[in-house]
């Protein structure tokens, strides 16, 4: 039996590839808490730097620090999740 798709990893790698060669920093599975709770993607845009390319629909405008959580159709985005 094949392993299930690692959608969080694929989502993060897409952002890493999107910003490759720019000053924008992308971190995956970033721990943001005292009790381990991983954030899917953290995108850090240096202040005063224009976006290096046009963003995909729904991701405009990016702030200096952007916290992104990927939820598949099997993982609902609920109050508890946030």
N, C-alpha and C. Protein backbone atom coordinates (compact mmCIF):
# COMPACT_ATOMS: atom_id res chain seq x y z
N UNK A 1 0.85 -1.19 0.00
CA UNK A 1 0.00 0.00 0.00
C UNK A 1 0.89 1.25 0.00
N UNK A 2 0.60 2.16 -0.88
CA UNK A 2 1.39 3.40 -0.99
C UNK A 2 1.13 4.31 0.20
N UNK A 3 2.15 5.08 0.54
CA UNK A 3 2.00 6.05 1.62
C UNK A 3 1.05 7.16 1.17
N UNK A 4 0.25 7.70 2.11
CA UNK A 4 -0.65 8.80 1.73
C UNK A 4 0.16 10.04 1.35
N UNK A 5 -0.42 10.87 0.53
CA UNK A 5 0.24 12.12 0.12
C UNK A 5 0.51 12.98 1.34
N UNK A 6 1.67 13.59 1.37
CA UNK A 6 2.05 14.50 2.44
C UNK A 6 1.69 15.92 1.98
N UNK A 7 0.40 16.26 2.03
CA UNK A 7 -0.08 17.52 1.47
C UNK A 7 0.55 18.74 2.11
N UNK A 8 0.79 18.72 3.43
CA UNK A 8 1.40 19.86 4.10
C UNK A 8 2.81 20.10 3.54
N UNK A 9 3.55 19.04 3.33
CA UNK A 9 4.91 19.16 2.80
C UNK A 9 4.88 19.66 1.36
N UNK A 10 3.98 19.14 0.55
CA UNK A 10 3.86 19.57 -0.85
C UNK A 10 3.48 21.05 -0.91
N UNK A 11 2.52 21.46 -0.06
CA UNK A 11 2.09 22.86 0.00
C UNK A 11 3.28 23.76 0.34
N UNK A 12 4.05 23.38 1.36
CA UNK A 12 5.21 24.18 1.77
C UNK A 12 6.27 24.23 0.69
N UNK A 13 6.56 23.09 0.05
CA UNK A 13 7.57 23.07 -1.01
C UNK A 13 7.16 23.93 -2.20
N UNK A 14 5.87 24.03 -2.44
CA UNK A 14 5.38 24.90 -3.52
C UNK A 14 5.76 26.35 -3.23
N UNK A 15 5.61 26.79 -1.98
CA UNK A 15 5.98 28.16 -1.61
C UNK A 15 7.49 28.36 -1.64
N UNK A 16 8.26 27.35 -1.22
CA UNK A 16 9.72 27.43 -1.29
C UNK A 16 10.15 27.64 -2.75
N UNK A 17 9.58 26.85 -3.64
CA UNK A 17 9.91 26.96 -5.06
C UNK A 17 9.45 28.29 -5.64
N UNK A 18 8.26 28.76 -5.24
CA UNK A 18 7.71 30.02 -5.75
C UNK A 18 8.64 31.19 -5.47
N UNK A 19 9.22 31.23 -4.27
CA UNK A 19 10.07 32.36 -3.87
C UNK A 19 11.57 32.10 -4.05
N UNK A 20 11.94 30.98 -4.68
CA UNK A 20 13.35 30.66 -4.90
C UNK A 20 14.03 31.80 -5.68
N UNK A 21 15.21 32.21 -5.24
CA UNK A 21 15.96 33.26 -5.92
C UNK A 21 15.54 34.67 -5.56
N UNK A 22 14.69 34.81 -4.53
CA UNK A 22 14.24 36.14 -4.10
C UNK A 22 14.70 36.37 -2.66
N UNK A 23 14.39 37.55 -2.12
CA UNK A 23 14.75 37.86 -0.74
C UNK A 23 13.70 37.37 0.25
N UNK A 24 12.61 36.80 -0.24
CA UNK A 24 11.56 36.29 0.63
C UNK A 24 11.99 34.95 1.21
N UNK A 25 11.81 34.79 2.53
CA UNK A 25 12.21 33.57 3.22
C UNK A 25 10.98 32.72 3.53
N UNK A 26 11.05 31.44 3.24
CA UNK A 26 9.96 30.52 3.52
C UNK A 26 10.47 29.43 4.47
N UNK A 27 9.74 29.22 5.57
CA UNK A 27 10.09 28.17 6.52
C UNK A 27 8.91 27.21 6.61
N UNK A 28 9.20 25.91 6.64
CA UNK A 28 8.16 24.90 6.73
C UNK A 28 8.15 24.27 8.11
N UNK A 29 6.96 23.80 8.52
CA UNK A 29 6.82 23.11 9.80
C UNK A 29 7.51 23.88 10.92
N UNK A 30 7.20 25.16 11.01
CA UNK A 30 7.84 26.08 11.95
C UNK A 30 7.14 26.01 13.30
N UNK A 31 7.88 25.75 14.36
CA UNK A 31 7.32 25.64 15.70
C UNK A 31 7.13 27.03 16.28
N UNK A 32 5.88 27.38 16.63
CA UNK A 32 5.56 28.73 17.09
C UNK A 32 5.08 28.79 18.54
N UNK A 33 5.31 27.73 19.30
CA UNK A 33 4.73 27.71 20.64
C UNK A 33 5.66 27.05 21.65
N UNK A 34 5.31 27.23 22.93
CA UNK A 34 6.03 26.57 24.00
C UNK A 34 5.73 25.07 23.94
N UNK A 35 4.45 24.74 23.82
CA UNK A 35 4.05 23.34 23.60
C UNK A 35 4.04 23.15 22.10
N UNK A 36 4.82 22.19 21.60
CA UNK A 36 5.03 22.08 20.16
C UNK A 36 3.72 22.05 19.38
N UNK A 37 3.63 22.99 18.46
CA UNK A 37 2.50 23.11 17.55
C UNK A 37 3.08 23.68 16.28
N UNK A 38 3.19 22.86 15.25
CA UNK A 38 3.87 23.28 14.04
C UNK A 38 2.95 24.07 13.11
N UNK A 39 3.49 25.13 12.58
CA UNK A 39 2.82 25.94 11.58
C UNK A 39 3.24 25.41 10.22
N UNK A 40 2.31 25.24 9.29
CA UNK A 40 2.64 24.64 8.00
C UNK A 40 3.66 25.46 7.22
N UNK A 41 3.42 26.76 7.08
CA UNK A 41 4.32 27.61 6.29
C UNK A 41 4.42 28.98 6.93
N UNK A 42 5.63 29.51 7.01
CA UNK A 42 5.89 30.87 7.47
C UNK A 42 6.62 31.57 6.33
N UNK A 43 6.04 32.67 5.82
CA UNK A 43 6.67 33.45 4.74
C UNK A 43 7.08 34.79 5.33
N UNK A 44 8.36 35.10 5.23
CA UNK A 44 8.89 36.34 5.78
C UNK A 44 9.38 37.21 4.62
N UNK A 45 8.75 38.40 4.49
CA UNK A 45 9.13 39.34 3.44
C UNK A 45 9.92 40.47 4.08
N UNK A 46 11.16 40.70 3.64
CA UNK A 46 11.95 41.79 4.23
C UNK A 46 11.22 43.13 4.08
N UNK A 47 11.29 43.97 5.11
CA UNK A 47 10.62 45.26 5.05
C UNK A 47 11.24 46.14 3.98
N UNK A 48 10.40 46.90 3.33
CA UNK A 48 10.86 47.82 2.30
C UNK A 48 11.18 47.17 0.97
N UNK A 49 10.94 45.86 0.86
CA UNK A 49 11.23 45.15 -0.39
C UNK A 49 9.91 44.84 -1.09
N UNK A 50 9.82 45.20 -2.35
CA UNK A 50 8.61 44.92 -3.13
C UNK A 50 8.51 43.42 -3.38
N UNK A 51 7.30 42.94 -3.60
CA UNK A 51 7.11 41.53 -3.90
C UNK A 51 7.85 41.22 -5.20
N UNK A 52 8.64 40.14 -5.22
CA UNK A 52 9.44 39.83 -6.39
C UNK A 52 8.65 39.32 -7.58
N UNK A 53 7.43 38.84 -7.34
CA UNK A 53 6.60 38.36 -8.44
C UNK A 53 5.13 38.40 -8.02
N UNK A 54 4.25 38.26 -8.98
CA UNK A 54 2.82 38.28 -8.71
C UNK A 54 2.43 37.04 -7.90
N UNK A 55 1.61 37.24 -6.87
CA UNK A 55 1.20 36.14 -6.00
C UNK A 55 -0.01 35.41 -6.57
N UNK A 56 -0.19 34.15 -6.17
CA UNK A 56 -1.39 33.42 -6.57
C UNK A 56 -2.64 34.10 -6.00
N UNK A 57 -3.78 33.88 -6.64
CA UNK A 57 -5.04 34.45 -6.16
C UNK A 57 -5.28 34.07 -4.71
N UNK A 58 -5.75 35.04 -3.93
CA UNK A 58 -6.08 34.81 -2.53
C UNK A 58 -4.94 35.04 -1.56
N UNK A 59 -3.74 35.34 -2.05
CA UNK A 59 -2.59 35.55 -1.18
C UNK A 59 -2.06 36.98 -1.27
N UNK A 60 -2.88 37.91 -1.69
CA UNK A 60 -2.43 39.29 -1.80
C UNK A 60 -3.17 40.14 -0.78
N UNK A 61 -2.56 41.14 -0.22
CA UNK A 61 -1.12 41.40 -0.19
C UNK A 61 -0.49 40.64 0.98
N UNK A 62 0.76 40.29 0.84
CA UNK A 62 1.47 39.63 1.94
C UNK A 62 2.02 40.68 2.89
N UNK A 63 1.95 40.40 4.17
CA UNK A 63 2.53 41.27 5.19
C UNK A 63 4.00 40.89 5.36
N UNK A 64 4.68 41.51 6.30
CA UNK A 64 6.08 41.18 6.55
C UNK A 64 6.23 39.74 7.05
N UNK A 65 5.28 39.30 7.90
CA UNK A 65 5.28 37.93 8.42
C UNK A 65 3.93 37.31 8.13
N UNK A 66 3.90 36.16 7.47
CA UNK A 66 2.66 35.52 7.05
C UNK A 66 2.63 34.08 7.55
N UNK A 67 1.62 33.78 8.35
CA UNK A 67 1.45 32.45 8.92
C UNK A 67 0.38 31.73 8.11
N UNK A 68 0.74 30.59 7.52
CA UNK A 68 -0.19 29.89 6.64
C UNK A 68 -0.38 28.46 7.13
N UNK A 69 -1.64 28.07 7.24
CA UNK A 69 -1.99 26.70 7.63
C UNK A 69 -2.72 26.05 6.48
N UNK A 70 -2.29 24.87 6.10
CA UNK A 70 -2.93 24.12 5.02
C UNK A 70 -3.95 23.17 5.62
N UNK A 71 -5.16 23.20 5.12
CA UNK A 71 -6.20 22.27 5.54
C UNK A 71 -6.76 21.59 4.31
N UNK A 72 -6.69 20.26 4.30
CA UNK A 72 -7.25 19.51 3.18
C UNK A 72 -8.75 19.34 3.38
N UNK A 73 -9.40 18.71 2.43
CA UNK A 73 -10.85 18.50 2.55
C UNK A 73 -11.17 17.56 3.72
N UNK A 74 -10.15 16.85 4.24
CA UNK A 74 -10.36 15.96 5.39
C UNK A 74 -10.07 16.64 6.72
N UNK A 75 -9.51 17.85 6.68
CA UNK A 75 -9.16 18.58 7.90
C UNK A 75 -9.90 19.92 7.91
N UNK A 76 -11.03 20.00 8.56
CA UNK A 76 -11.78 21.26 8.56
C UNK A 76 -11.06 22.36 9.35
N UNK A 77 -11.24 23.59 8.92
CA UNK A 77 -10.70 24.74 9.63
C UNK A 77 -11.76 25.19 10.64
N UNK A 78 -11.52 24.89 11.91
CA UNK A 78 -12.49 25.17 12.96
C UNK A 78 -11.95 26.23 13.92
N UNK A 79 -12.79 26.68 14.84
CA UNK A 79 -12.37 27.62 15.87
C UNK A 79 -11.20 27.04 16.66
N UNK A 80 -11.28 25.74 17.00
CA UNK A 80 -10.23 25.10 17.78
C UNK A 80 -8.91 25.10 17.01
N UNK A 81 -8.97 24.86 15.71
CA UNK A 81 -7.77 24.85 14.86
C UNK A 81 -7.07 26.21 14.93
N UNK A 82 -7.87 27.28 14.86
CA UNK A 82 -7.27 28.62 14.87
C UNK A 82 -6.75 28.94 16.24
